[in-house]
Amino acid sequence: MDASSQAIANYEALSILTGQMRDAAIDGEWDELISIEQHCGELVAAMKVIDVEAILDKDARQYKIQLIDKILSDDAEIRILVQAWMGQLELSMQSNRQEQRLLQAYGA
């Protein structure tokens, strides 16, 4: 596979992975999201070398742009979902701390 084909294949793979991450975030599967994110990191590291070498024709560049748009859209949705989950987690932790203070103040 030449560098151009490999570059496109990598963007397709990254697009699939970010879609899986988005689905995991929607389902609240945080461990799965982290696992997939690690695979994304490995792929992105490999892509840096190949992407520099790839010379894409007009159609391939346009397709690459579409893939990048999807990847960025997935990333934005993941960020929103993670921030919402973190907010819920923070509220839960605050509630637990308050409960602990009450137990300490009034005994168990």
PDB file of N, CA and C in Angstrom:
ATOM      1  N   MET A   1       0.856  -1.176   0.000  1.00  0.00           N
ATOM      2  CA  MET A   1       0.000   0.000   0.000  1.00  0.00           C
ATOM      3  C   MET A   1       0.903   1.240   0.000  1.00  0.00           C
ATOM      4  N   ASP A   2       0.635   2.168  -0.905  1.00  0.00           N
ATOM      5  CA  ASP A   2       1.449   3.384  -0.958  1.00  0.00           C
ATOM      6  C   ASP A   2       1.050   4.341   0.171  1.00  0.00           C
ATOM      7  N   ALA A   3       1.845   5.403   0.357  1.00  0.00           N
ATOM      8  CA  ALA A   3       1.639   6.333   1.470  1.00  0.00           C
ATOM      9  C   ALA A   3       0.271   7.011   1.400  1.00  0.00           C
ATOM     10  N   SER A   4      -0.185   7.347   0.204  1.00  0.00           N
ATOM     11  CA  SER A   4      -1.485   8.006   0.059  1.00  0.00           C
ATOM     12  C   SER A   4      -2.623   7.091   0.491  1.00  0.00           C
ATOM     13  N   SER A   5      -2.586   5.853   0.025  1.00  0.00           N
ATOM     14  CA  SER A   5      -3.624   4.885   0.399  1.00  0.00           C
ATOM     15  C   SER A   5      -3.580   4.604   1.892  1.00  0.00           C
ATOM     16  N   GLN A   6      -2.376   4.496   2.440  1.00  0.00           N
ATOM     17  CA  GLN A   6      -2.230   4.233   3.874  1.00  0.00           C
ATOM     18  C   GLN A   6      -2.748   5.412   4.695  1.00  0.00           C
ATOM     19  N   ALA A   7      -2.475   6.624   4.230  1.00  0.00           N
ATOM     20  CA  ALA A   7      -2.953   7.811   4.944  1.00  0.00           C
ATOM     21  C   ALA A   7      -4.480   7.822   5.005  1.00  0.00           C
ATOM     22  N   ILE A   8      -5.119   7.563   3.877  1.00  0.00           N
ATOM     23  CA  ILE A   8      -6.588   7.534   3.847  1.00  0.00           C
ATOM     24  C   ILE A   8      -7.114   6.404   4.727  1.00  0.00           C
ATOM     25  N   ALA A   9      -6.497   5.238   4.651  1.00  0.00           N
ATOM     26  CA  ALA A   9      -6.914   4.108   5.487  1.00  0.00           C
ATOM     27  C   ALA A   9      -6.795   4.461   6.968  1.00  0.00           C
ATOM     28  N   ASN A  10      -5.750   5.188   7.327  1.00  0.00           N
ATOM     29  CA  ASN A  10      -5.580   5.601   8.721  1.00  0.00           C
ATOM     30  C   ASN A  10      -6.676   6.564   9.160  1.00  0.00           C
ATOM     31  N   TYR A  11      -7.019   7.517   8.302  1.00  0.00           N
ATOM     32  CA  TYR A  11      -8.100   8.444   8.646  1.00  0.00           C
ATOM     33  C   TYR A  11      -9.438   7.707   8.753  1.00  0.00           C
ATOM     34  N   GLU A  12      -9.653   6.730   7.885  1.00  0.00           N
ATOM     35  CA  GLU A  12     -10.880   5.922   7.986  1.00  0.00           C
ATOM     36  C   GLU A  12     -10.909   5.167   9.305  1.00  0.00           C
ATOM     37  N   ALA A  13      -9.779   4.579   9.678  1.00  0.00           N
ATOM     38  CA  ALA A  13      -9.704   3.840  10.943  1.00  0.00           C
ATOM     39  C   ALA A  13      -9.931   4.774  12.126  1.00  0.00           C
ATOM     40  N   LEU A  14      -9.338   5.956  12.082  1.00  0.00           N
ATOM     41  CA  LEU A  14      -9.519   6.921  13.162  1.00  0.00           C
ATOM     42  C   LEU A  14     -10.972   7.375  13.246  1.00  0.00           C
ATOM     43  N   SER A  15     -11.607   7.549  12.105  1.00  0.00           N
ATOM     44  CA  SER A  15     -13.016   7.924  12.068  1.00  0.00           C
ATOM     45  C   SER A  15     -13.885   6.845  12.717  1.00  0.00           C
ATOM     46  N   ILE A  16     -13.576   5.599  12.434  1.00  0.00           N
ATOM     47  CA  ILE A  16     -14.314   4.485  13.051  1.00  0.00           C
ATOM     48  C   ILE A  16     -14.099   4.488  14.558  1.00  0.00           C
ATOM     49  N   LEU A  17     -12.847   4.665  14.981  1.00  0.00           N
ATOM     50  CA  LEU A  17     -12.540   4.656  16.415  1.00  0.00           C
ATOM     51  C   LEU A  17     -13.224   5.808  17.151  1.00  0.00           C
ATOM     52  N   THR A  18     -13.219   7.005  16.562  1.00  0.00           N
ATOM     53  CA  THR A  18     -13.883   8.118  17.246  1.00  0.00           C
ATOM     54  C   THR A  18     -15.396   7.904  17.297  1.00  0.00           C
ATOM     55  N   GLY A  19     -15.945   7.248  16.284  1.00  0.00           N
ATOM     56  CA  GLY A  19     -17.362   6.884  16.333  1.00  0.00           C
ATOM     57  C   GLY A  19     -17.643   5.901  17.455  1.00  0.00           C
ATOM     58  N   GLN A  20     -16.749   4.940  17.638  1.00  0.00           N
ATOM     59  CA  GLN A  20     -16.894   3.985  18.739  1.00  0.00           C
ATOM     60  C   GLN A  20     -16.754   4.683  20.089  1.00  0.00           C
ATOM     61  N   MET A  21     -15.848   5.637  20.167  1.00  0.00           N
ATOM     62  CA  MET A  21     -15.695   6.405  21.407  1.00  0.00           C
ATOM     63  C   MET A  21     -16.968   7.195  21.704  1.00  0.00           C
ATOM     64  N   ARG A  22     -17.532   7.822  20.683  1.00  0.00           N
ATOM     65  CA  ARG A  22     -18.782   8.566  20.854  1.00  0.00           C
ATOM     66  C   ARG A  22     -19.888   7.647  21.355  1.00  0.00           C
ATOM     67  N   ASP A  23     -19.999   6.462  20.742  1.00  0.00           N
ATOM     68  CA  ASP A  23     -21.019   5.505  21.162  1.00  0.00           C
ATOM     69  C   ASP A  23     -20.799   5.061  22.604  1.00  0.00           C
ATOM     70  N   ALA A  24     -19.545   4.834  22.984  1.00  0.00           N
ATOM     71  CA  ALA A  24     -19.231   4.437  24.360  1.00  0.00           C
ATOM     72  C   ALA A  24     -19.618   5.552  25.329  1.00  0.00           C
ATOM     73  N   ALA A  25     -19.355   6.796  24.959  1.00  0.00           N
ATOM     74  CA  ALA A  25     -19.715   7.924  25.823  1.00  0.00           C
ATOM     75  C   ALA A  25     -21.231   8.046  25.951  1.00  0.00           C
ATOM     76  N   ILE A  26     -21.941   7.862  24.856  1.00  0.00           N
ATOM     77  CA  ILE A  26     -23.408   7.909  24.894  1.00  0.00           C
ATOM     78  C   ILE A  26     -23.949   6.841  25.834  1.00  0.00           C
ATOM     79  N   ASP A  27     -23.342   5.656  25.794  1.00  0.00           N
ATOM     80  CA  ASP A  27     -23.787   4.534  26.623  1.00  0.00           C
ATOM     81  C   ASP A  27     -23.231   4.577  28.043  1.00  0.00           C
ATOM     82  N   GLY A  28     -22.373   5.557  28.341  1.00  0.00           N
ATOM     83  CA  GLY A  28     -21.775   5.645  29.673  1.00  0.00           C
ATOM     84  C   GLY A  28     -20.736   4.571  29.932  1.00  0.00           C
ATOM     85  N   GLU A  29     -20.169   4.029  28.881  1.00  0.00           N
ATOM     86  CA  GLU A  29     -19.139   2.987  28.989  1.00  0.00           C
ATOM     87  C   GLU A  29     -17.765   3.656  29.041  1.00  0.00           C
ATOM     88  N   TRP A  30     -17.434   4.232  30.188  1.00  0.00           N
ATOM     89  CA  TRP A  30     -16.239   5.063  30.315  1.00  0.00           C
ATOM     90  C   TRP A  30     -14.952   4.255  30.194  1.00  0.00           C
ATOM     91  N   ASP A  31     -14.922   3.041  30.726  1.00  0.00           N
ATOM     92  CA  ASP A  31     -13.726   2.204  30.588  1.00  0.00           C
ATOM     93  C   ASP A  31     -13.472   1.859  29.120  1.00  0.00           C
ATOM     94  N   GLU A  32     -14.537   1.577  28.396  1.00  0.00           N
ATOM     95  CA  GLU A  32     -14.422   1.277  26.964  1.00  0.00           C
ATOM     96  C   GLU A  32     -13.922   2.506  26.204  1.00  0.00           C
ATOM     97  N   LEU A  33     -14.444   3.659  26.558  1.00  0.00           N
ATOM     98  CA  LEU A  33     -14.005   4.893  25.912  1.00  0.00           C
ATOM     99  C   LEU A  33     -12.501   5.095  26.111  1.00  0.00           C
ATOM    100  N   ILE A  34     -12.017   4.878  27.322  1.00  0.00           N
ATOM    101  CA  ILE A  34     -10.592   5.044  27.615  1.00  0.00           C
ATOM    102  C   ILE A  34      -9.761   4.051  26.819  1.00  0.00           C
ATOM    103  N   SER A  35     -10.229   2.820  26.731  1.00  0.00           N
ATOM    104  CA  SER A  35      -9.512   1.793  25.971  1.00  0.00           C
ATOM    105  C   SER A  35      -9.404   2.174  24.492  1.00  0.00           C
ATOM    106  N   ILE A  36     -10.503   2.625  23.926  1.00  0.00           N
ATOM    107  CA  ILE A  36     -10.501   3.027  22.515  1.00  0.00           C
ATOM    108  C   ILE A  36      -9.620   4.256  22.320  1.00  0.00           C
ATOM    109  N   GLU A  37      -9.655   5.169  23.283  1.00  0.00           N
ATOM    110  CA  GLU A  37      -8.838   6.380  23.193  1.00  0.00           C
ATOM    111  C   GLU A  37      -7.350   6.038  23.125  1.00  0.00           C
ATOM    112  N   GLN A  38      -6.948   5.005  23.841  1.00  0.00           N
ATOM    113  CA  GLN A  38      -5.548   4.575  23.779  1.00  0.00           C
ATOM    114  C   GLN A  38      -5.195   4.095  22.375  1.00  0.00           C
ATOM    115  N   HIS A  39      -6.101   3.349  21.752  1.00  0.00           N
ATOM    116  CA  HIS A  39      -5.876   2.904  20.369  1.00  0.00           C
ATOM    117  C   HIS A  39      -5.777   4.110  19.427  1.00  0.00           C
ATOM    118  N   CYS A  40      -6.621   5.105  19.662  1.00  0.00           N
ATOM    119  CA  CYS A  40      -6.570   6.323  18.840  1.00  0.00           C
ATOM    120  C   CYS A  40      -5.209   6.991  18.957  1.00  0.00           C
ATOM    121  N   GLY A  41      -4.702   7.073  20.170  1.00  0.00           N
ATOM    122  CA  GLY A  41      -3.399   7.697  20.380  1.00  0.00           C
ATOM    123  C   GLY A  41      -2.295   6.986  19.630  1.00  0.00           C
ATOM    124  N   GLU A  42      -2.338   5.661  19.653  1.00  0.00           N
ATOM    125  CA  GLU A  42      -1.341   4.869  18.923  1.00  0.00           C
ATOM    126  C   GLU A  42      -1.456   5.110  17.415  1.00  0.00           C
ATOM    127  N   LEU A  43      -2.680   5.144  16.929  1.00  0.00           N
ATOM    128  CA  LEU A  43      -2.903   5.361  15.499  1.00  0.00           C
ATOM    129  C   LEU A  43      -2.444   6.754  15.079  1.00  0.00           C
ATOM    130  N   VAL A  44      -2.772   7.757  15.876  1.00  0.00           N
ATOM    131  CA  VAL A  44      -2.372   9.129  15.548  1.00  0.00           C
ATOM    132  C   VAL A  44      -0.848   9.243  15.505  1.00  0.00           C
ATOM    133  N   ALA A  45      -0.169   8.594  16.430  1.00  0.00           N
ATOM    134  CA  ALA A  45       1.298   8.621  16.426  1.00  0.00           C
ATOM    135  C   ALA A  45       1.846   8.024  15.129  1.00  0.00           C
ATOM    136  N   ALA A  46       1.265   6.922  14.685  1.00  0.00           N
ATOM    137  CA  ALA A  46       1.701   6.290  13.434  1.00  0.00           C
ATOM    138  C   ALA A  46       1.342   7.158  12.224  1.00  0.00           C
ATOM    139  N   MET A  47       0.225   7.858  12.311  1.00  0.00           N
ATOM    140  CA  MET A  47      -0.238   8.681  11.195  1.00  0.00           C
ATOM    141  C   MET A  47       0.690   9.861  10.925  1.00  0.00           C
ATOM    142  N   LYS A  48       1.335  10.370  11.953  1.00  0.00           N
ATOM    143  CA  LYS A  48       2.176  11.560  11.785  1.00  0.00           C
ATOM    144  C   LYS A  48       3.262  11.340  10.743  1.00  0.00           C
ATOM    145  N   VAL A  49       3.835  10.157  10.722  1.00  0.00           N
ATOM    146  CA  VAL A  49       4.899   9.854   9.765  1.00  0.00           C
ATOM    147  C   VAL A  49       4.328   9.679   8.365  1.00  0.00           C
ATOM    148  N   ILE A  50       3.280   8.892   8.254  1.00  0.00           N
ATOM    149  CA  ILE A  50       2.711   8.563   6.943  1.00  0.00           C
ATOM    150  C   ILE A  50       2.047   9.775   6.302  1.00  0.00           C
ATOM    151  N   ASP A  51       1.364  10.586   7.109  1.00  0.00           N
ATOM    152  CA  ASP A  51       0.626  11.722   6.565  1.00  0.00           C
ATOM    153  C   ASP A  51       1.558  12.734   5.897  1.00  0.00           C
ATOM    154  N   VAL A  52       2.753  12.877   6.429  1.00  0.00           N
ATOM    155  CA  VAL A  52       3.725  13.806   5.837  1.00  0.00           C
ATOM    156  C   VAL A  52       4.163  13.326   4.459  1.00  0.00           C
ATOM    157  N   GLU A  53       4.287  12.024   4.307  1.00  0.00           N
ATOM    158  CA  GLU A  53       4.766  11.441   3.052  1.00  0.00           C
ATOM    159  C   GLU A  53       3.677  11.334   1.986  1.00  0.00           C
ATOM    160  N   ALA A  54       2.428  11.385   2.401  1.00  0.00           N
ATOM    161  CA  ALA A  54       1.317  11.147   1.476  1.00  0.00           C
ATOM    162  C   ALA A  54       1.072  12.352   0.577  1.00  0.00           C
ATOM    163  N   ILE A  55       0.954  12.076  -0.696  1.00  0.00           N
ATOM    164  CA  ILE A  55       0.569  13.090  -1.675  1.00  0.00           C
ATOM    165  C   ILE A  55      -0.799  12.673  -2.205  1.00  0.00           C
ATOM    166  N   LEU A  56      -1.800  13.476  -1.871  1.00  0.00           N
ATOM    167  CA  LEU A  56      -3.176  13.117  -2.203  1.00  0.00           C
ATOM    168  C   LEU A  56      -3.670  13.908  -3.407  1.00  0.00           C
ATOM    169  N   ASP A  57      -4.444  13.232  -4.251  1.00  0.00           N
ATOM    170  CA  ASP A  57      -5.086  13.944  -5.352  1.00  0.00           C
ATOM    171  C   ASP A  57      -6.305  14.696  -4.799  1.00  0.00           C
ATOM    172  N   LYS A  58      -6.965  15.442  -5.658  1.00  0.00           N
ATOM    173  CA  LYS A  58      -8.078  16.292  -5.228  1.00  0.00           C
ATOM    174  C   LYS A  58      -9.182  15.491  -4.537  1.00  0.00           C
ATOM    175  N   ASP A  59      -9.589  14.371  -5.125  1.00  0.00           N
ATOM    176  CA  ASP A  59     -10.657  13.559  -4.541  1.00  0.00           C
ATOM    177  C   ASP A  59     -10.249  12.997  -3.186  1.00  0.00           C
ATOM    178  N   ALA A  60      -9.022  12.533  -3.087  1.00  0.00           N
ATOM    179  CA  ALA A  60      -8.540  11.978  -1.823  1.00  0.00           C
ATOM    180  C   ALA A  60      -8.458  13.063  -0.751  1.00  0.00           C
ATOM    181  N   ARG A  61      -8.017  14.261  -1.134  1.00  0.00           N
ATOM    182  CA  ARG A  61      -7.968  15.378  -0.175  1.00  0.00           C
ATOM    183  C   ARG A  61      -9.368  15.720   0.319  1.00  0.00           C
ATOM    184  N   GLN A  62     -10.332  15.735  -0.603  1.00  0.00           N
ATOM    185  CA  GLN A  62     -11.712  16.043  -0.221  1.00  0.00           C
ATOM    186  C   GLN A  62     -12.251  14.976   0.726  1.00  0.00           C
ATOM    187  N   TYR A  63     -11.971  13.727   0.441  1.00  0.00           N
ATOM    188  CA  TYR A  63     -12.407  12.630   1.308  1.00  0.00           C
ATOM    189  C   TYR A  63     -11.738  12.741   2.678  1.00  0.00           C
ATOM    190  N   LYS A  64     -10.457  13.078   2.689  1.00  0.00           N
ATOM    191  CA  LYS A  64      -9.732  13.261   3.952  1.00  0.00           C
ATOM    192  C   LYS A  64     -10.387  14.372   4.775  1.00  0.00           C
ATOM    193  N   ILE A  65     -10.775  15.451   4.123  1.00  0.00           N
ATOM    194  CA  ILE A  65     -11.444  16.554   4.818  1.00  0.00           C
ATOM    195  C   ILE A  65     -12.766  16.090   5.417  1.00  0.00           C
ATOM    196  N   GLN A  66     -13.532  15.284   4.670  1.00  0.00           N
ATOM    197  CA  GLN A  66     -14.795  14.750   5.192  1.00  0.00           C
ATOM    198  C   GLN A  66     -14.546  13.882   6.425  1.00  0.00           C
ATOM    199  N   LEU A  67     -13.508  13.052   6.362  1.00  0.00           N
ATOM    200  CA  LEU A  67     -13.180  12.201   7.505  1.00  0.00           C
ATOM    201  C   LEU A  67     -12.771  13.040   8.714  1.00  0.00           C
ATOM    202  N   ILE A  68     -11.964  14.056   8.474  1.00  0.00           N
ATOM    203  CA  ILE A  68     -11.536  14.931   9.569  1.00  0.00           C
ATOM    204  C   ILE A  68     -12.736  15.654  10.173  1.00  0.00           C
ATOM    205  N   ASP A  69     -13.663  16.112   9.338  1.00  0.00           N
ATOM    206  CA  ASP A  69     -14.880  16.760   9.845  1.00  0.00           C
ATOM    207  C   ASP A  69     -15.661  15.821  10.756  1.00  0.00           C
ATOM    208  N   LYS A  70     -15.797  14.552  10.361  1.00  0.00           N
ATOM    209  CA  LYS A  70     -16.506  13.575  11.192  1.00  0.00           C
ATOM    210  C   LYS A  70     -15.750  13.329  12.493  1.00  0.00           C
ATOM    211  N   ILE A  71     -14.438  13.193  12.408  1.00  0.00           N
ATOM    212  CA  ILE A  71     -13.614  12.967  13.599  1.00  0.00           C
ATOM    213  C   ILE A  71     -13.784  14.130  14.579  1.00  0.00           C
ATOM    214  N   LEU A  72     -13.734  15.357  14.069  1.00  0.00           N
ATOM    215  CA  LEU A  72     -13.882  16.532  14.931  1.00  0.00           C
ATOM    216  C   LEU A  72     -15.289  16.633  15.512  1.00  0.00           C
ATOM    217  N   SER A  73     -16.291  16.267  14.735  1.00  0.00           N
ATOM    218  CA  SER A  73     -17.668  16.265  15.226  1.00  0.00           C
ATOM    219  C   SER A  73     -17.835  15.246  16.351  1.00  0.00           C
ATOM    220  N   ASP A  74     -17.301  14.044  16.138  1.00  0.00           N
ATOM    221  CA  ASP A  74     -17.349  13.018  17.186  1.00  0.00           C
ATOM    222  C   ASP A  74     -16.636  13.508  18.440  1.00  0.00           C
ATOM    223  N   ASP A  75     -15.470  14.119  18.248  1.00  0.00           N
ATOM    224  CA  ASP A  75     -14.687  14.610  19.380  1.00  0.00           C
ATOM    225  C   ASP A  75     -15.462  15.657  20.174  1.00  0.00           C
ATOM    226  N   ALA A  76     -16.135  16.563  19.481  1.00  0.00           N
ATOM    227  CA  ALA A  76     -16.920  17.596  20.160  1.00  0.00           C
ATOM    228  C   ALA A  76     -18.059  16.967  20.958  1.00  0.00           C
ATOM    229  N   GLU A  77     -18.732  15.981  20.376  1.00  0.00           N
ATOM    230  CA  GLU A  77     -19.831  15.314  21.080  1.00  0.00           C
ATOM    231  C   GLU A  77     -19.305  14.546  22.287  1.00  0.00           C
ATOM    232  N   ILE A  78     -18.176  13.884  22.135  1.00  0.00           N
ATOM    233  CA  ILE A  78     -17.561  13.158  23.254  1.00  0.00           C
ATOM    234  C   ILE A  78     -17.247  14.131  24.385  1.00  0.00           C
ATOM    235  N   ARG A  79     -16.675  15.268  24.044  1.00  0.00           N
ATOM    236  CA  ARG A  79     -16.309  16.266  25.053  1.00  0.00           C
ATOM    237  C   ARG A  79     -17.542  16.717  25.834  1.00  0.00           C
ATOM    238  N   ILE A  80     -18.640  16.976  25.147  1.00  0.00           N
ATOM    239  CA  ILE A  80     -19.880  17.393  25.812  1.00  0.00           C
ATOM    240  C   ILE A  80     -20.366  16.302  26.757  1.00  0.00           C
ATOM    241  N   LEU A  81     -20.360  15.059  26.292  1.00  0.00           N
ATOM    242  CA  LEU A  81     -20.834  13.944  27.114  1.00  0.00           C
ATOM    243  C   LEU A  81     -19.938  13.717  28.327  1.00  0.00           C
ATOM    244  N   VAL A  82     -18.638  13.818  28.136  1.00  0.00           N
ATOM    245  CA  VAL A  82     -17.701  13.615  29.246  1.00  0.00           C
ATOM    246  C   VAL A  82     -17.856  14.732  30.274  1.00  0.00           C
ATOM    247  N   GLN A  83     -18.008  15.964  29.815  1.00  0.00           N
ATOM    248  CA  GLN A  83     -18.183  17.076  30.746  1.00  0.00           C
ATOM    249  C   GLN A  83     -19.467  16.916  31.553  1.00  0.00           C
ATOM    250  N   ALA A  84     -20.534  16.464  30.923  1.00  0.00           N
ATOM    251  CA  ALA A  84     -21.788  16.225  31.639  1.00  0.00           C
ATOM    252  C   ALA A  84     -21.602  15.132  32.684  1.00  0.00           C
ATOM    253  N   TRP A  85     -20.917  14.055  32.315  1.00  0.00           N
ATOM    254  CA  TRP A  85     -20.667  12.959  33.251  1.00  0.00           C
ATOM    255  C   TRP A  85     -19.809  13.442  34.418  1.00  0.00           C
ATOM    256  N   MET A  86     -18.798  14.249  34.123  1.00  0.00           N
ATOM    257  CA  MET A  86     -17.939  14.762  35.183  1.00  0.00           C
ATOM    258  C   MET A  86     -18.725  15.666  36.133  1.00  0.00           C
ATOM    259  N   GLY A  87     -19.657  16.433  35.603  1.00  0.00           N
ATOM    260  CA  GLY A  87     -20.515  17.259  36.446  1.00  0.00           C
ATOM    261  C   GLY A  87     -21.371  16.411  37.365  1.00  0.00           C
ATOM    262  N   GLN A  88     -21.934  15.329  36.840  1.00  0.00           N
ATOM    263  CA  GLN A  88     -22.732  14.419  37.665  1.00  0.00           C
ATOM    264  C   GLN A  88     -21.871  13.755  38.727  1.00  0.00           C
ATOM    265  N   LEU A  89     -20.676  13.368  38.352  1.00  0.00           N
ATOM    266  CA  LEU A  89     -19.753  12.742  39.290  1.00  0.00           C
ATOM    267  C   LEU A  89     -19.380  13.711  40.407  1.00  0.00           C
ATOM    268  N   GLU A  90     -19.142  14.955  40.052  1.00  0.00           N
ATOM    269  CA  GLU A  90     -18.806  15.964  41.058  1.00  0.00           C
ATOM    270  C   GLU A  90     -19.959  16.165  42.035  1.00  0.00           C
ATOM    271  N   LEU A  91     -21.188  16.228  41.531  1.00  0.00           N
ATOM    272  CA  LEU A  91     -22.352  16.365  42.412  1.00  0.00           C
ATOM    273  C   LEU A  91     -22.469  15.178  43.355  1.00  0.00           C
ATOM    274  N   SER A  92     -22.239  13.990  42.834  1.00  0.00           N
ATOM    275  CA  SER A  92     -22.291  12.786  43.660  1.00  0.00           C
ATOM    276  C   SER A  92     -21.226  12.820  44.747  1.00  0.00           C
ATOM    277  N   MET A  93     -20.034  13.261  44.384  1.00  0.00           N
ATOM    278  CA  MET A  93     -18.952  13.333  45.361  1.00  0.00           C
ATOM    279  C   MET A  93     -19.250  14.385  46.428  1.00  0.00           C
ATOM    280  N   GLN A  94     -19.832  15.513  46.038  1.00  0.00           N
ATOM    281  CA  GLN A  94     -20.199  16.545  47.006  1.00  0.00           C
ATOM    282  C   GLN A  94     -21.242  16.014  47.975  1.00  0.00           C
ATOM    283  N   SER A  95     -22.209  15.285  47.449  1.00  0.00           N
ATOM    284  CA  SER A  95     -23.243  14.697  48.291  1.00  0.00           C
ATOM    285  C   SER A  95     -22.635  13.712  49.284  1.00  0.00           C
ATOM    286  N   ASN A  96     -21.700  12.898  48.815  1.00  0.00           N
ATOM    287  CA  ASN A  96     -21.042  11.939  49.703  1.00  0.00           C
ATOM    288  C   ASN A  96     -20.226  12.646  50.776  1.00  0.00           C
ATOM    289  N   ARG A  97     -19.538  13.721  50.420  1.00  0.00           N
ATOM    290  CA  ARG A  97     -18.759  14.481  51.413  1.00  0.00           C
ATOM    291  C   ARG A  97     -19.680  15.092  52.459  1.00  0.00           C
ATOM    292  N   GLN A  98     -20.815  15.623  52.008  1.00  0.00           N
ATOM    293  CA  GLN A  98     -21.764  16.213  52.943  1.00  0.00           C
ATOM    294  C   GLN A  98     -22.304  15.137  53.882  1.00  0.00           C
ATOM    295  N   GLU A  99     -22.598  13.978  53.349  1.00  0.00           N
ATOM    296  CA  GLU A  99     -23.084  12.873  54.174  1.00  0.00           C
ATOM    297  C   GLU A  99     -22.034  12.475  55.205  1.00  0.00           C
ATOM    298  N   GLN A 100     -20.774  12.427  54.801  1.00  0.00           N
ATOM    299  CA  GLN A 100     -19.691  12.087  55.727  1.00  0.00           C
ATOM    300  C   GLN A 100     -19.582  13.128  56.840  1.00  0.00           C
ATOM    301  N   ARG A 101     -19.698  14.408  56.494  1.00  0.00           N
ATOM    302  CA  ARG A 101     -19.638  15.466  57.513  1.00  0.00           C
ATOM    303  C   ARG A 101     -20.786  15.329  58.504  1.00  0.00           C
ATOM    304  N   LEU A 102     -21.972  15.024  58.005  1.00  0.00           N
ATOM    305  CA  LEU A 102     -23.119  14.845  58.896  1.00  0.00           C
ATOM    306  C   LEU A 102     -22.919  13.646  59.814  1.00  0.00           C
ATOM    307  N   LEU A 103     -22.391  12.567  59.263  1.00  0.00           N
ATOM    308  CA  LEU A 103     -22.126  11.391  60.093  1.00  0.00           C
ATOM    309  C   LEU A 103     -21.085  11.696  61.160  1.00  0.00           C
ATOM    310  N   GLN A 104     -20.069  12.451  60.813  1.00  0.00           N
ATOM    311  CA  GLN A 104     -19.043  12.811  61.788  1.00  0.00           C
ATOM    312  C   GLN A 104     -19.609  13.748  62.854  1.00  0.00           C
ATOM    313  N   ALA A 105     -20.480  14.657  62.444  1.00  0.00           N
ATOM    314  CA  ALA A 105     -21.034  15.627  63.383  1.00  0.00           C
ATOM    315  C   ALA A 105     -22.053  15.001  64.328  1.00  0.00           C
ATOM    316  N   TYR A 106     -22.868  14.092  63.829  1.00  0.00           N
ATOM    317  CA  TYR A 106     -23.963  13.553  64.621  1.00  0.00           C
ATOM    318  C   TYR A 106     -23.806  12.079  64.961  1.00  0.00           C
ATOM    319  N   GLY A 107     -22.706  11.477  64.555  1.00  0.00           N
ATOM    320  CA  GLY A 107     -22.469  10.068  64.854  1.00  0.00           C
ATOM    321  C   GLY A 107     -23.217   9.157  63.909  1.00  0.00           C
ATOM    322  N   ALA A 108     -22.756   7.929  63.880  1.00  0.00           N
ATOM    323  CA  ALA A 108     -23.360   6.967  62.962  1.00  0.00           C
ATOM    324  C   ALA A 108     -24.330   6.070  63.664  1.00  0.00           C
TER     325      ALA A 108
END
